[in-house]
Each structure stands twice: as C-alpha cells, then as structure tokens.
Amino acid sequence: MDPTSTRETDTHQAMRTRRPTDDEPQTRLPFPGWLAEPRPWFALDGAGALVSALLLGAVLPWFADALGTTREALRTLAVLPMLYAAFDLVCVVRGVTAGLPLLAIACANIAYPVIGALVLRRDGVALTGLGLAWFATEAGIVLALAALEVTVAVRARPTAPERP
C-alpha cells in the first residue's frame, strides 16, 4: 500500500472528526459561507416581499374574478409584504448581522399565510382552483424561506458586534 494514500486517508479522517473551535459554528449550514450570515437573507426576503406586494396590490386585482377573491382582499394582503420589505430594507441598509432580527422576520413570514387565510375568510371569498394554487404556492415559498431564515438566525450571533 502506498504510504501517501494512507497519510491522505488519515488526514481526511481527521478532518471529518475534528471538533469546531469556539468561533466556528457547531454544525455546517447547507449553503455557501456568505449565505450563513443574516444580511443576504434580508435582501432576499425583501426582494420577495416587494414582488409579493407588487403582484398582490397591482397585478392580481385585475384577475380577482379568476382567482375567486375580491380586489380589496388582494390589496389588503399586499400591506404585509410592504411592511416586511421596509423592515428588510432597514436591516440591509444598517448592515444588520445579528440573528434576532432575522428570526423576527422569519416568524412574521410564518404568520403571513395564516393572516392571509384569515383575511380571505373575513372577506368571505371562495377561491377558485387557480386562486387556491396561487396562494398555496406563495405560502409554500414563504414558509420554505422562513425555515431557512430560522436555520441561519439560530446559528448567527445573537446580537450585533460591539463597536469600539
């Protein structure tokens, strides 16, 4: 057996069993290092919120009948994404790297489909198949994003670093 291959195998084994130091995360995240920080997630969440607000407030009201809802319900639903986008924008501009604000927006994203269902129920709408598909798809995307945001938030620093 080649001594080089044994040494290489030992090195790979040591890398797999090496424990992280205090400044390294305890578990690896399933995406590249720059995505392990909260800041890009605020930008992604804000962009998605702007798209949702634009679609719900300006585009989908034209198709309210096809969706089985009212224009007012769609415009009401557009308010939350606008608020989320504003929060995300503030976090991006201020360079927030703490996990707590990301956890807050993740919780808001988890609440969004529930609030949306309550608004639709309040307005007494009967969604068509197309409307149900739209809102189920949006809820799925938002909940998947929220799950990733929670993962990043709990592994991030709890607060922003202290300034000198």
Protein backbone atom coordinates (compact mmCIF):
# COMPACT_ATOMS: atom_id res chain seq x y z
CA MET A 1 0.00 0.00 0.00
CA ASP A 2 1.27 3.45 -0.91
CA PRO A 3 2.25 5.47 2.21
CA THR A 4 0.91 8.65 0.58
CA SER A 5 -2.60 7.22 0.30
CA THR A 6 -2.57 6.18 3.97
CA ARG A 7 -1.48 9.64 5.04
CA GLU A 8 -4.17 11.18 2.84
CA THR A 9 -6.83 8.89 4.31
CA ASP A 10 -5.70 9.77 7.85
CA THR A 11 -5.92 13.47 7.01
CA HIS A 12 -9.44 13.09 5.61
CA GLN A 13 -10.47 11.07 8.66
CA ALA A 14 -9.05 13.74 10.98
CA MET A 15 -10.93 16.46 9.10
CA ARG A 16 -14.22 14.58 9.46
CA THR A 17 -13.79 14.01 13.19
CA ARG A 18 -12.26 17.42 14.06
CA ARG A 19 -14.39 19.39 16.50
CA PRO A 20 -15.12 23.04 15.66
CA THR A 21 -13.50 25.72 17.75
CA ASP A 22 -15.49 28.27 19.76
CA ASP A 23 -15.57 30.79 16.91
CA GLU A 24 -16.78 28.22 14.34
CA PRO A 25 -20.42 27.19 14.03
CA GLN A 26 -21.25 23.88 15.69
CA THR A 27 -22.90 22.48 12.56
CA ARG A 28 -22.41 23.23 8.90
CA LEU A 29 -25.10 25.05 7.02
CA PRO A 30 -26.25 23.55 3.71
CA PHE A 31 -25.15 26.57 1.66
CA PRO A 32 -22.00 28.63 0.97
CA GLY A 33 -20.36 30.65 3.73
CA TRP A 34 -21.64 34.06 2.61
CA LEU A 35 -25.20 32.76 2.95
CA ALA A 36 -24.53 31.68 6.52
CA GLU A 37 -24.83 35.33 7.60
CA PRO A 38 -28.22 37.05 8.04
CA ARG A 39 -27.55 40.05 5.77
CA PRO A 40 -28.11 38.37 2.36
CA TRP A 41 -31.28 36.78 3.72
CA PHE A 42 -32.72 40.22 4.50
CA ALA A 43 -32.07 41.22 0.88
CA LEU A 44 -33.63 38.02 -0.47
CA ASP A 45 -36.64 38.31 1.83
CA GLY A 46 -37.09 41.98 0.96
CA ALA A 47 -36.96 41.28 -2.77
CA GLY A 48 -39.54 38.54 -2.38
CA ALA A 49 -41.73 40.79 -0.28
CA LEU A 50 -41.58 43.52 -2.92
CA VAL A 51 -42.59 41.03 -5.62
CA SER A 52 -45.49 39.78 -3.46
CA ALA A 53 -46.64 43.32 -2.69
CA LEU A 54 -46.47 44.30 -6.36
CA LEU A 55 -48.35 41.23 -7.52
CA LEU A 56 -50.99 41.36 -4.78
CA GLY A 57 -51.51 45.10 -4.95
CA ALA A 58 -51.19 45.89 -8.65
CA VAL A 59 -51.30 42.81 -10.89
CA LEU A 60 -53.59 40.22 -9.31
CA PRO A 61 -56.53 42.60 -8.69
CA TRP A 62 -57.01 42.56 -12.47
CA PHE A 63 -57.61 38.81 -12.18
CA ALA A 64 -59.61 38.81 -8.94
CA ASP A 65 -62.61 37.08 -10.53
CA ALA A 66 -60.44 34.31 -11.98
CA LEU A 67 -58.86 33.80 -8.53
CA GLY A 68 -62.21 33.81 -6.76
CA THR A 69 -61.40 36.73 -4.50
CA THR A 70 -62.02 40.46 -4.32
CA ARG A 71 -59.74 43.31 -5.29
CA GLU A 72 -59.99 44.68 -1.76
CA ALA A 73 -58.83 41.38 -0.23
CA LEU A 74 -55.81 41.28 -2.54
CA ARG A 75 -54.88 44.86 -1.76
CA THR A 76 -55.27 44.17 1.96
CA LEU A 77 -52.94 41.20 1.60
CA ALA A 78 -50.37 43.44 -0.11
CA VAL A 79 -49.91 45.54 3.04
CA LEU A 80 -47.94 42.92 5.00
CA PRO A 81 -45.31 42.31 2.31
CA MET A 82 -44.81 46.08 2.06
CA LEU A 83 -44.15 46.23 5.81
CA TYR A 84 -41.82 43.22 5.61
CA ALA A 85 -39.93 44.82 2.71
CA ALA A 86 -39.49 48.04 4.70
CA PHE A 87 -38.12 46.10 7.70
CA ASP A 88 -35.77 44.13 5.43
CA LEU A 89 -34.56 47.31 3.73
CA VAL A 90 -33.72 48.90 7.07
CA CYS A 91 -31.80 45.77 8.09
CA VAL A 92 -29.86 45.70 4.81
CA VAL A 93 -29.02 49.42 4.92
CA ARG A 94 -27.92 49.26 8.56
CA GLY A 95 -25.83 46.14 7.87
CA VAL A 96 -27.57 44.01 10.49
CA THR A 97 -25.68 40.78 11.12
CA ALA A 98 -27.46 39.68 14.29
CA GLY A 99 -29.71 36.65 14.28
CA LEU A 100 -32.59 38.10 16.30
CA PRO A 101 -33.96 40.46 13.59
CA LEU A 102 -33.76 37.63 11.05
CA LEU A 103 -35.65 35.39 13.46
CA ALA A 104 -38.28 38.14 13.81
CA ILE A 105 -38.83 38.36 10.04
CA ALA A 106 -38.88 34.55 9.81
CA CYS A 107 -41.65 34.45 12.42
CA ALA A 108 -43.51 37.17 10.52
CA ASN A 109 -43.16 35.08 7.36
CA ILE A 110 -44.57 32.06 9.17
CA ALA A 111 -47.54 34.18 10.29
CA TYR A 112 -48.14 35.59 6.79
CA PRO A 113 -50.03 32.59 5.31
CA VAL A 114 -52.19 32.35 8.44
CA ILE A 115 -53.01 36.05 8.32
CA GLY A 116 -53.70 35.75 4.59
CA ALA A 117 -56.14 32.89 5.18
CA LEU A 118 -57.89 34.90 7.89
CA VAL A 119 -58.23 37.94 5.60
CA LEU A 120 -59.68 35.79 2.83
CA ARG A 121 -62.07 34.14 5.25
CA ARG A 122 -63.12 37.51 6.70
CA ASP A 123 -63.95 38.74 3.23
CA GLY A 124 -65.94 35.57 2.56
CA VAL A 125 -64.14 34.69 -0.65
CA ALA A 126 -64.44 31.30 -2.32
CA LEU A 127 -61.15 30.74 -4.10
CA THR A 128 -61.17 29.06 -7.48
CA GLY A 129 -58.65 26.33 -8.28
CA LEU A 130 -56.36 28.96 -9.75
CA GLY A 131 -56.68 31.15 -6.65
CA LEU A 132 -56.03 28.21 -4.35
CA ALA A 133 -52.98 27.23 -6.41
CA TRP A 134 -51.64 30.80 -6.26
CA PHE A 135 -52.00 31.19 -2.51
CA ALA A 136 -50.75 27.66 -1.75
CA THR A 137 -47.66 28.25 -3.90
CA GLU A 138 -46.97 31.61 -2.28
CA ALA A 139 -47.43 30.11 1.20
CA GLY A 140 -45.08 27.25 0.36
CA ILE A 141 -42.36 29.59 -0.90
CA VAL A 142 -42.71 31.92 2.10
CA LEU A 143 -42.65 29.03 4.59
CA ALA A 144 -39.60 27.44 2.93
CA LEU A 145 -37.79 30.79 3.08
CA ALA A 146 -38.80 31.19 6.73
CA ALA A 147 -37.40 27.75 7.56
CA LEU A 148 -34.05 28.67 6.01
CA GLU A 149 -34.07 32.03 7.80
CA VAL A 150 -34.68 30.32 11.14
CA THR A 151 -31.77 27.97 10.44
CA VAL A 152 -29.44 30.90 9.75
CA ALA A 153 -30.81 33.02 12.62
CA VAL A 154 -30.27 30.42 15.34
CA ARG A 155 -26.68 29.90 14.20
CA ALA A 156 -25.87 33.61 13.88
CA ARG A 157 -24.60 35.89 16.60
CA PRO A 158 -27.48 36.77 18.92
CA THR A 159 -26.65 40.48 18.85
CA ALA A 160 -24.64 42.82 16.70
CA PRO A 161 -20.92 43.09 17.47
CA GLU A 162 -19.97 45.84 19.85
CA ARG A 163 -18.43 48.92 18.30
CA PRO A 164 -15.05 50.10 19.56
